[in-house]
Amino acid sequence: MLKVSTPAAQRMAHLLSPKEDDAVLRIVRDKGRMRLRVSLVRPGDQTVTHDGRIVLALDERMDRSLSKRQLDLRQTDAGPRLNLRTAPKKP
C-alpha cells in the first residue's frame, strides 16, 4: 500500500475541510499524470485516515501501482505541495 506521511495526511485533511464529511481525495491517472480528485469511498477501496477522517481512497489497481511509493509534503515558494516519490527502502 502507498505510504502516506503524517504531514501529507494533515494537508489532505486541510484540503477536504470545506467539503462534505464523506468526501475523500483519490489519486487518478489523467493524461499520463497522477492527479488528486475529490471523490467518495467505493467498495474495495484501500483508505488512509487522519484524525478519524478518511482523507484518501485508492482502488485496488491504483493501490498496487503505488505500493512502492510514498506521498509526502514538500514546501515550495508557492506553498505546501503533496509529492509522490519512491518510498525509502527499509534497512
N, C-alpha and C. Protein backbone atom coordinates (compact mmCIF):
# COMPACT_ATOMS: atom_id res chain seq x y z
N MET A 1 0.83 -1.19 0.00
CA MET A 1 0.00 0.00 0.00
C MET A 1 0.87 1.25 0.00
N LEU A 2 0.37 2.28 -0.60
CA LEU A 2 1.02 3.58 -0.61
C LEU A 2 1.28 4.03 0.82
N LYS A 3 2.48 4.50 1.08
CA LYS A 3 2.80 5.07 2.40
C LYS A 3 2.47 6.56 2.35
N VAL A 4 1.85 7.06 3.40
CA VAL A 4 1.47 8.47 3.46
C VAL A 4 2.05 9.05 4.74
N SER A 5 2.86 10.10 4.61
CA SER A 5 3.44 10.74 5.79
C SER A 5 2.37 11.50 6.56
N THR A 6 2.62 11.73 7.83
CA THR A 6 1.68 12.48 8.66
C THR A 6 1.45 13.89 8.10
N PRO A 7 2.51 14.62 7.70
CA PRO A 7 2.26 15.95 7.13
C PRO A 7 1.39 15.90 5.86
N ALA A 8 1.57 14.87 5.04
CA ALA A 8 0.74 14.74 3.83
C ALA A 8 -0.71 14.47 4.20
N ALA A 9 -0.93 13.60 5.19
CA ALA A 9 -2.30 13.32 5.65
C ALA A 9 -2.94 14.57 6.23
N GLN A 10 -2.17 15.36 6.98
CA GLN A 10 -2.68 16.62 7.53
C GLN A 10 -3.07 17.58 6.41
N ARG A 11 -2.26 17.65 5.39
CA ARG A 11 -2.55 18.53 4.25
C ARG A 11 -3.82 18.08 3.53
N MET A 12 -3.98 16.79 3.32
CA MET A 12 -5.19 16.30 2.67
C MET A 12 -6.43 16.61 3.51
N ALA A 13 -6.32 16.46 4.84
CA ALA A 13 -7.44 16.80 5.73
C ALA A 13 -7.78 18.28 5.60
N HIS A 14 -6.75 19.12 5.50
CA HIS A 14 -6.97 20.56 5.32
C HIS A 14 -7.68 20.84 3.99
N LEU A 15 -7.25 20.18 2.93
CA LEU A 15 -7.87 20.37 1.61
C LEU A 15 -9.33 19.93 1.61
N LEU A 16 -9.65 18.93 2.43
CA LEU A 16 -11.01 18.42 2.49
C LEU A 16 -11.90 19.16 3.48
N SER A 17 -11.32 20.02 4.31
CA SER A 17 -12.10 20.65 5.37
C SER A 17 -13.35 21.40 4.89
N PRO A 18 -13.34 22.07 3.73
CA PRO A 18 -14.58 22.73 3.31
C PRO A 18 -15.57 21.79 2.61
N LYS A 19 -15.20 20.54 2.42
CA LYS A 19 -16.03 19.58 1.68
C LYS A 19 -16.96 18.83 2.64
N GLU A 20 -17.89 18.09 2.06
CA GLU A 20 -18.79 17.24 2.85
C GLU A 20 -17.98 16.22 3.64
N ASP A 21 -18.54 15.73 4.74
CA ASP A 21 -17.82 14.79 5.60
C ASP A 21 -17.45 13.49 4.91
N ASP A 22 -18.23 13.08 3.89
CA ASP A 22 -17.93 11.81 3.22
C ASP A 22 -17.01 11.98 2.01
N ALA A 23 -16.58 13.20 1.73
CA ALA A 23 -15.66 13.45 0.61
C ALA A 23 -14.25 12.98 0.98
N VAL A 24 -13.58 12.39 0.01
CA VAL A 24 -12.20 11.95 0.17
C VAL A 24 -11.42 12.38 -1.06
N LEU A 25 -10.12 12.30 -0.98
CA LEU A 25 -9.28 12.51 -2.16
C LEU A 25 -8.95 11.16 -2.77
N ARG A 26 -8.80 11.14 -4.07
CA ARG A 26 -8.49 9.91 -4.80
C ARG A 26 -7.41 10.24 -5.82
N ILE A 27 -6.39 9.39 -5.91
CA ILE A 27 -5.35 9.57 -6.92
C ILE A 27 -5.83 8.88 -8.19
N VAL A 28 -5.85 9.63 -9.29
CA VAL A 28 -6.29 9.10 -10.58
C VAL A 28 -5.24 9.43 -11.63
N ARG A 29 -5.23 8.65 -12.70
CA ARG A 29 -4.38 8.95 -13.85
C ARG A 29 -5.19 9.81 -14.80
N ASP A 30 -4.57 10.91 -15.24
CA ASP A 30 -5.23 11.82 -16.16
C ASP A 30 -4.19 12.28 -17.17
N LYS A 31 -4.37 11.84 -18.41
CA LYS A 31 -3.44 12.20 -19.49
C LYS A 31 -2.00 11.86 -19.13
N GLY A 32 -1.80 10.67 -18.56
CA GLY A 32 -0.46 10.19 -18.24
C GLY A 32 0.12 10.72 -16.94
N ARG A 33 -0.61 11.57 -16.24
CA ARG A 33 -0.12 12.13 -14.97
C ARG A 33 -1.03 11.69 -13.85
N MET A 34 -0.50 11.64 -12.65
CA MET A 34 -1.32 11.33 -11.49
C MET A 34 -1.82 12.63 -10.89
N ARG A 35 -3.10 12.64 -10.57
CA ARG A 35 -3.73 13.83 -10.02
C ARG A 35 -4.64 13.44 -8.87
N LEU A 36 -4.90 14.39 -7.99
CA LEU A 36 -5.86 14.20 -6.90
C LEU A 36 -7.21 14.73 -7.33
N ARG A 37 -8.24 13.95 -7.05
CA ARG A 37 -9.62 14.37 -7.33
C ARG A 37 -10.46 14.12 -6.09
N VAL A 38 -11.46 14.95 -5.88
CA VAL A 38 -12.40 14.72 -4.79
C VAL A 38 -13.35 13.60 -5.23
N SER A 39 -13.61 12.68 -4.31
CA SER A 39 -14.41 11.51 -4.63
C SER A 39 -15.14 11.03 -3.39
N LEU A 40 -15.70 9.84 -3.47
CA LEU A 40 -16.31 9.14 -2.35
C LEU A 40 -15.63 7.79 -2.23
N VAL A 41 -15.70 7.19 -1.05
CA VAL A 41 -15.15 5.84 -0.86
C VAL A 41 -16.05 4.86 -1.61
N ARG A 42 -15.41 3.95 -2.32
CA ARG A 42 -16.12 2.91 -3.08
C ARG A 42 -15.81 1.55 -2.48
N PRO A 43 -16.70 0.56 -2.68
CA PRO A 43 -16.42 -0.78 -2.18
C PRO A 43 -15.08 -1.29 -2.71
N GLY A 44 -14.29 -1.89 -1.83
CA GLY A 44 -12.98 -2.43 -2.21
C GLY A 44 -11.83 -1.45 -2.12
N ASP A 45 -12.11 -0.18 -1.85
CA ASP A 45 -11.04 0.82 -1.73
C ASP A 45 -10.17 0.57 -0.51
N GLN A 46 -8.89 0.89 -0.64
CA GLN A 46 -7.99 0.99 0.50
C GLN A 46 -8.05 2.45 0.93
N THR A 47 -8.03 2.71 2.22
CA THR A 47 -8.18 4.08 2.69
C THR A 47 -7.07 4.48 3.65
N VAL A 48 -6.85 5.78 3.73
CA VAL A 48 -5.91 6.38 4.66
C VAL A 48 -6.72 7.37 5.50
N THR A 49 -6.55 7.31 6.82
CA THR A 49 -7.28 8.22 7.71
C THR A 49 -6.33 9.18 8.41
N HIS A 50 -6.90 10.30 8.81
CA HIS A 50 -6.18 11.27 9.64
C HIS A 50 -7.17 11.84 10.63
N ASP A 51 -6.86 11.73 11.91
CA ASP A 51 -7.75 12.19 12.99
C ASP A 51 -9.17 11.67 12.83
N GLY A 52 -9.29 10.40 12.45
CA GLY A 52 -10.58 9.75 12.36
C GLY A 52 -11.34 9.99 11.07
N ARG A 53 -10.81 10.79 10.17
CA ARG A 53 -11.48 11.05 8.90
C ARG A 53 -10.72 10.37 7.77
N ILE A 54 -11.44 9.73 6.88
CA ILE A 54 -10.80 9.15 5.69
C ILE A 54 -10.43 10.30 4.77
N VAL A 55 -9.15 10.40 4.44
CA VAL A 55 -8.68 11.51 3.59
C VAL A 55 -8.27 11.05 2.19
N LEU A 56 -7.98 9.75 2.04
CA LEU A 56 -7.52 9.24 0.75
C LEU A 56 -8.11 7.86 0.52
N ALA A 57 -8.59 7.62 -0.70
CA ALA A 57 -9.10 6.32 -1.09
C ALA A 57 -8.40 5.90 -2.38
N LEU A 58 -8.01 4.63 -2.44
CA LEU A 58 -7.35 4.08 -3.63
C LEU A 58 -8.06 2.80 -4.03
N ASP A 59 -8.36 2.68 -5.33
CA ASP A 59 -8.92 1.41 -5.78
C ASP A 59 -7.79 0.38 -5.84
N GLU A 60 -8.16 -0.88 -6.01
CA GLU A 60 -7.17 -1.96 -5.95
C GLU A 60 -6.05 -1.78 -6.98
N ARG A 61 -6.40 -1.38 -8.17
CA ARG A 61 -5.39 -1.21 -9.23
C ARG A 61 -4.39 -0.10 -8.88
N MET A 62 -4.90 1.05 -8.44
CA MET A 62 -4.02 2.16 -8.09
C MET A 62 -3.20 1.81 -6.84
N ASP A 63 -3.81 1.10 -5.91
CA ASP A 63 -3.10 0.69 -4.70
C ASP A 63 -1.89 -0.17 -5.06
N ARG A 64 -2.08 -1.14 -5.96
CA ARG A 64 -0.95 -1.98 -6.41
C ARG A 64 0.09 -1.15 -7.13
N SER A 65 -0.36 -0.25 -7.97
CA SER A 65 0.54 0.59 -8.76
C SER A 65 1.42 1.48 -7.88
N LEU A 66 0.89 1.89 -6.75
CA LEU A 66 1.62 2.83 -5.87
C LEU A 66 2.23 2.15 -4.64
N SER A 67 2.27 0.83 -4.64
CA SER A 67 2.69 0.11 -3.44
C SER A 67 4.12 0.42 -2.98
N LYS A 68 4.96 0.86 -3.88
CA LYS A 68 6.36 1.18 -3.51
C LYS A 68 6.61 2.68 -3.51
N ARG A 69 5.55 3.44 -3.36
CA ARG A 69 5.67 4.89 -3.38
C ARG A 69 5.27 5.48 -2.03
N GLN A 70 5.62 6.74 -1.83
CA GLN A 70 5.26 7.45 -0.61
C GLN A 70 4.72 8.82 -0.99
N LEU A 71 3.64 9.22 -0.34
CA LEU A 71 3.07 10.55 -0.52
C LEU A 71 3.56 11.39 0.65
N ASP A 72 4.24 12.46 0.33
CA ASP A 72 4.84 13.32 1.35
C ASP A 72 4.46 14.76 1.06
N LEU A 73 4.87 15.65 1.92
CA LEU A 73 4.60 17.08 1.74
C LEU A 73 5.93 17.80 1.58
N ARG A 74 5.98 18.67 0.60
CA ARG A 74 7.20 19.48 0.43
C ARG A 74 6.78 20.95 0.39
N GLN A 75 7.66 21.77 0.88
CA GLN A 75 7.42 23.22 0.89
C GLN A 75 7.99 23.82 -0.39
N THR A 76 7.21 24.66 -1.04
CA THR A 76 7.66 25.35 -2.24
C THR A 76 7.43 26.85 -2.04
N ASP A 77 7.93 27.64 -2.96
CA ASP A 77 7.70 29.08 -2.89
C ASP A 77 6.21 29.41 -2.99
N ALA A 78 5.44 28.53 -3.64
CA ALA A 78 4.00 28.74 -3.80
C ALA A 78 3.20 28.14 -2.65
N GLY A 79 3.88 27.51 -1.69
CA GLY A 79 3.18 26.91 -0.56
C GLY A 79 3.40 25.41 -0.52
N PRO A 80 2.77 24.74 0.45
CA PRO A 80 2.97 23.29 0.58
C PRO A 80 2.35 22.53 -0.58
N ARG A 81 3.05 21.49 -1.04
CA ARG A 81 2.59 20.66 -2.15
C ARG A 81 2.74 19.19 -1.77
N LEU A 82 1.75 18.39 -2.14
CA LEU A 82 1.86 16.95 -1.98
C LEU A 82 2.81 16.43 -3.03
N ASN A 83 3.66 15.49 -2.65
CA ASN A 83 4.71 15.00 -3.53
C ASN A 83 4.74 13.47 -3.47
N LEU A 84 4.57 12.83 -4.62
CA LEU A 84 4.61 11.38 -4.72
C LEU A 84 6.02 10.98 -5.12
N ARG A 85 6.65 10.13 -4.32
CA ARG A 85 8.02 9.73 -4.61
C ARG A 85 8.22 8.26 -4.27
N THR A 86 9.35 7.72 -4.64
CA THR A 86 9.69 6.34 -4.31
C THR A 86 9.90 6.25 -2.81
N ALA A 87 9.29 5.26 -2.17
CA ALA A 87 9.41 5.10 -0.73
C ALA A 87 10.83 4.70 -0.37
N PRO A 88 11.34 5.20 0.77
CA PRO A 88 12.68 4.79 1.20
C PRO A 88 12.70 3.30 1.50
N LYS A 89 13.81 2.67 1.21
CA LYS A 89 13.95 1.24 1.48
C LYS A 89 14.22 1.01 2.95
N LYS A 90 13.66 -0.09 3.47
CA LYS A 90 13.90 -0.44 4.87
C LYS A 90 15.28 -1.01 5.02
N PRO A 91 15.98 -0.66 6.12
CA PRO A 91 17.35 -1.18 6.32
C PRO A 91 17.36 -2.65 6.58
